[in-house]
Structure formats: structure tokens, C-alpha cells
Amino acid sequence: MQAYVDRALSVHEVAIVEIHLADCPTCSRCYSLEREMRTVVRQACDEPCPDALRAQLRKICADCDCE
């Protein structure tokens, strides 16, 4: 499903998935959920980061010794 949603499949593979989605309500629901989740995440990424959260994230990064 991920490759299909990411548009990482060949034309032939897309056709196979679309035929399956037309006949499989479970996979069709999963696909709809995945699309909706991506929409929500994309919209959340468009929101400006609050200053307090930005400061907290900077502190976490400064305290990290993962280099």
C-alpha cells in the first residue's frame, strides 16, 4: 500500500493494485485511511510552529549527544 500511495509503482503494478482495491473493501478502507492521514499530516506541517515548542525542540537538540 505504501508504494502505491507514494506513487512508486510501475504502471502495470498500479493497474494491479487498482483492480484489487475495486474488489477488496478492506484494502480500499486502508487506502482511504492512508490518504486521509497523509492529508492531515501535510496540513499539520503547514501550521506554524509555536515559539514555545520551537524553544523546547531546540533545547532537546542542544542536550542531545547523538553526534
N, C-alpha and C. Protein backbone atom coordinates (compact mmCIF):
# COMPACT_ATOMS: atom_id res chain seq x y z
N MET A 1 0.82 -1.19 0.00
CA MET A 1 0.00 0.00 0.00
C MET A 1 0.87 1.26 0.00
N GLN A 2 1.96 1.22 0.78
CA GLN A 2 2.82 2.41 0.86
C GLN A 2 3.36 2.80 -0.51
N ALA A 3 3.84 1.84 -1.25
CA ALA A 3 4.41 2.15 -2.57
C ALA A 3 3.35 2.72 -3.50
N TYR A 4 2.13 2.22 -3.37
CA TYR A 4 1.04 2.74 -4.20
C TYR A 4 0.72 4.19 -3.82
N VAL A 5 0.61 4.45 -2.53
CA VAL A 5 0.31 5.79 -2.07
C VAL A 5 1.45 6.74 -2.42
N ASP A 6 2.69 6.24 -2.35
CA ASP A 6 3.86 7.05 -2.67
C ASP A 6 4.08 7.22 -4.17
N ARG A 7 3.24 6.58 -4.96
CA ARG A 7 3.37 6.60 -6.43
C ARG A 7 4.73 6.07 -6.87
N ALA A 8 5.13 4.96 -6.22
CA ALA A 8 6.43 4.36 -6.51
C ALA A 8 6.30 3.05 -7.29
N LEU A 9 5.14 2.82 -7.87
CA LEU A 9 4.91 1.58 -8.61
C LEU A 9 4.94 1.84 -10.11
N SER A 10 5.19 0.77 -10.84
CA SER A 10 5.13 0.87 -12.30
C SER A 10 3.66 0.98 -12.72
N VAL A 11 3.44 1.34 -13.96
CA VAL A 11 2.09 1.45 -14.50
C VAL A 11 1.36 0.10 -14.35
N HIS A 12 2.06 -0.97 -14.62
CA HIS A 12 1.47 -2.31 -14.51
C HIS A 12 1.09 -2.61 -13.06
N GLU A 13 1.97 -2.29 -12.12
CA GLU A 13 1.69 -2.54 -10.71
C GLU A 13 0.52 -1.70 -10.22
N VAL A 14 0.45 -0.46 -10.67
CA VAL A 14 -0.68 0.42 -10.31
C VAL A 14 -1.99 -0.20 -10.77
N ALA A 15 -2.00 -0.71 -11.98
CA ALA A 15 -3.22 -1.32 -12.52
C ALA A 15 -3.64 -2.51 -11.66
N ILE A 16 -2.68 -3.32 -11.25
CA ILE A 16 -2.99 -4.49 -10.41
C ILE A 16 -3.58 -4.04 -9.08
N VAL A 17 -2.97 -3.05 -8.46
CA VAL A 17 -3.46 -2.55 -7.16
C VAL A 17 -4.86 -1.98 -7.32
N GLU A 18 -5.09 -1.21 -8.37
CA GLU A 18 -6.40 -0.58 -8.55
C GLU A 18 -7.49 -1.62 -8.79
N ILE A 19 -7.17 -2.68 -9.50
CA ILE A 19 -8.14 -3.77 -9.68
C ILE A 19 -8.45 -4.40 -8.32
N HIS A 20 -7.41 -4.62 -7.52
CA HIS A 20 -7.61 -5.21 -6.20
C HIS A 20 -8.44 -4.28 -5.31
N LEU A 21 -8.12 -3.00 -5.31
CA LEU A 21 -8.85 -2.05 -4.46
C LEU A 21 -10.33 -1.99 -4.84
N ALA A 22 -10.62 -2.15 -6.10
CA ALA A 22 -12.02 -2.13 -6.56
C ALA A 22 -12.80 -3.31 -6.01
N ASP A 23 -12.12 -4.41 -5.73
CA ASP A 23 -12.80 -5.63 -5.28
C ASP A 23 -12.60 -5.95 -3.80
N CYS A 24 -11.78 -5.19 -3.10
CA CYS A 24 -11.46 -5.53 -1.71
C CYS A 24 -11.82 -4.36 -0.79
N PRO A 25 -12.95 -4.44 -0.11
CA PRO A 25 -13.35 -3.33 0.76
C PRO A 25 -12.36 -3.06 1.89
N THR A 26 -11.72 -4.09 2.40
CA THR A 26 -10.75 -3.91 3.49
C THR A 26 -9.56 -3.07 3.01
N CYS A 27 -8.98 -3.46 1.90
CA CYS A 27 -7.83 -2.70 1.37
C CYS A 27 -8.25 -1.31 0.91
N SER A 28 -9.44 -1.20 0.39
CA SER A 28 -9.95 0.10 -0.03
C SER A 28 -10.06 1.04 1.17
N ARG A 29 -10.55 0.53 2.30
CA ARG A 29 -10.62 1.34 3.52
C ARG A 29 -9.22 1.72 4.00
N CYS A 30 -8.29 0.77 3.94
CA CYS A 30 -6.91 1.06 4.35
C CYS A 30 -6.31 2.15 3.48
N TYR A 31 -6.56 2.07 2.18
CA TYR A 31 -6.05 3.09 1.27
C TYR A 31 -6.66 4.46 1.59
N SER A 32 -7.96 4.49 1.85
CA SER A 32 -8.63 5.75 2.19
C SER A 32 -8.06 6.33 3.47
N LEU A 33 -7.83 5.48 4.46
CA LEU A 33 -7.24 5.92 5.72
C LEU A 33 -5.84 6.48 5.50
N GLU A 34 -5.04 5.79 4.71
CA GLU A 34 -3.68 6.26 4.43
C GLU A 34 -3.70 7.62 3.74
N ARG A 35 -4.57 7.80 2.78
CA ARG A 35 -4.68 9.09 2.09
C ARG A 35 -5.11 10.19 3.06
N GLU A 36 -6.09 9.88 3.91
CA GLU A 36 -6.57 10.86 4.88
C GLU A 36 -5.47 11.23 5.87
N MET A 37 -4.72 10.24 6.34
CA MET A 37 -3.63 10.51 7.27
C MET A 37 -2.57 11.42 6.63
N ARG A 38 -2.25 11.14 5.40
CA ARG A 38 -1.26 11.98 4.71
C ARG A 38 -1.76 13.41 4.56
N THR A 39 -3.05 13.57 4.30
CA THR A 39 -3.63 14.90 4.19
C THR A 39 -3.53 15.64 5.51
N VAL A 40 -3.86 14.95 6.60
CA VAL A 40 -3.79 15.56 7.93
C VAL A 40 -2.36 15.95 8.27
N VAL A 41 -1.42 15.06 8.01
CA VAL A 41 -0.01 15.36 8.30
C VAL A 41 0.47 16.54 7.45
N ARG A 42 0.11 16.54 6.18
CA ARG A 42 0.52 17.63 5.29
C ARG A 42 -0.03 18.96 5.81
N GLN A 43 -1.29 18.97 6.24
CA GLN A 43 -1.88 20.20 6.77
C GLN A 43 -1.20 20.62 8.07
N ALA A 44 -0.87 19.64 8.91
CA ALA A 44 -0.19 19.96 10.17
C ALA A 44 1.18 20.56 9.91
N CYS A 45 1.83 20.11 8.86
CA CYS A 45 3.15 20.64 8.53
C CYS A 45 3.07 22.07 8.02
N ASP A 46 1.91 22.48 7.55
CA ASP A 46 1.73 23.84 7.07
C ASP A 46 1.49 24.83 8.21
N GLU A 47 1.15 24.30 9.39
CA GLU A 47 0.89 25.15 10.55
C GLU A 47 2.22 25.70 11.07
N PRO A 48 2.26 26.96 11.46
CA PRO A 48 3.50 27.49 12.04
C PRO A 48 3.77 26.84 13.40
N CYS A 49 5.02 26.65 13.68
CA CYS A 49 5.44 26.04 14.94
C CYS A 49 5.38 27.11 16.03
N PRO A 50 4.65 26.85 17.12
CA PRO A 50 4.60 27.83 18.22
C PRO A 50 5.99 28.08 18.79
N ASP A 51 6.23 29.30 19.22
CA ASP A 51 7.55 29.66 19.75
C ASP A 51 7.96 28.78 20.93
N ALA A 52 7.02 28.46 21.82
CA ALA A 52 7.35 27.64 22.98
C ALA A 52 7.79 26.24 22.55
N LEU A 53 7.13 25.68 21.57
CA LEU A 53 7.51 24.36 21.07
C LEU A 53 8.87 24.43 20.38
N ARG A 54 9.09 25.47 19.60
CA ARG A 54 10.37 25.64 18.92
C ARG A 54 11.51 25.72 19.94
N ALA A 55 11.31 26.46 21.02
CA ALA A 55 12.33 26.58 22.06
C ALA A 55 12.58 25.23 22.73
N GLN A 56 11.51 24.49 22.99
CA GLN A 56 11.64 23.18 23.62
C GLN A 56 12.41 22.22 22.70
N LEU A 57 12.12 22.24 21.42
CA LEU A 57 12.83 21.38 20.47
C LEU A 57 14.30 21.75 20.36
N ARG A 58 14.58 23.05 20.37
CA ARG A 58 15.98 23.49 20.33
C ARG A 58 16.75 23.01 21.56
N LYS A 59 16.09 23.05 22.72
CA LYS A 59 16.73 22.58 23.94
C LYS A 59 17.01 21.08 23.86
N ILE A 60 16.06 20.33 23.37
CA ILE A 60 16.25 18.88 23.21
C ILE A 60 17.43 18.62 22.29
N CYS A 61 17.50 19.34 21.18
CA CYS A 61 18.61 19.15 20.24
C CYS A 61 19.94 19.55 20.87
N ALA A 62 19.94 20.62 21.64
CA ALA A 62 21.18 21.08 22.27
C ALA A 62 21.65 20.08 23.32
N ASP A 63 20.71 19.43 24.00
CA ASP A 63 21.07 18.46 25.05
C ASP A 63 21.43 17.09 24.48
N CYS A 64 21.18 16.87 23.23
CA CYS A 64 21.41 15.56 22.62
C CYS A 64 22.91 15.38 22.35
N ASP A 65 23.42 14.21 22.69
CA ASP A 65 24.82 13.90 22.42
C ASP A 65 24.93 12.77 21.38
N CYS A 66 24.09 12.85 20.38
CA CYS A 66 24.00 11.75 19.40
C CYS A 66 24.96 11.92 18.22
N GLU A 67 25.86 12.89 18.28
CA GLU A 67 26.78 13.09 17.15
C GLU A 67 27.83 12.04 17.12
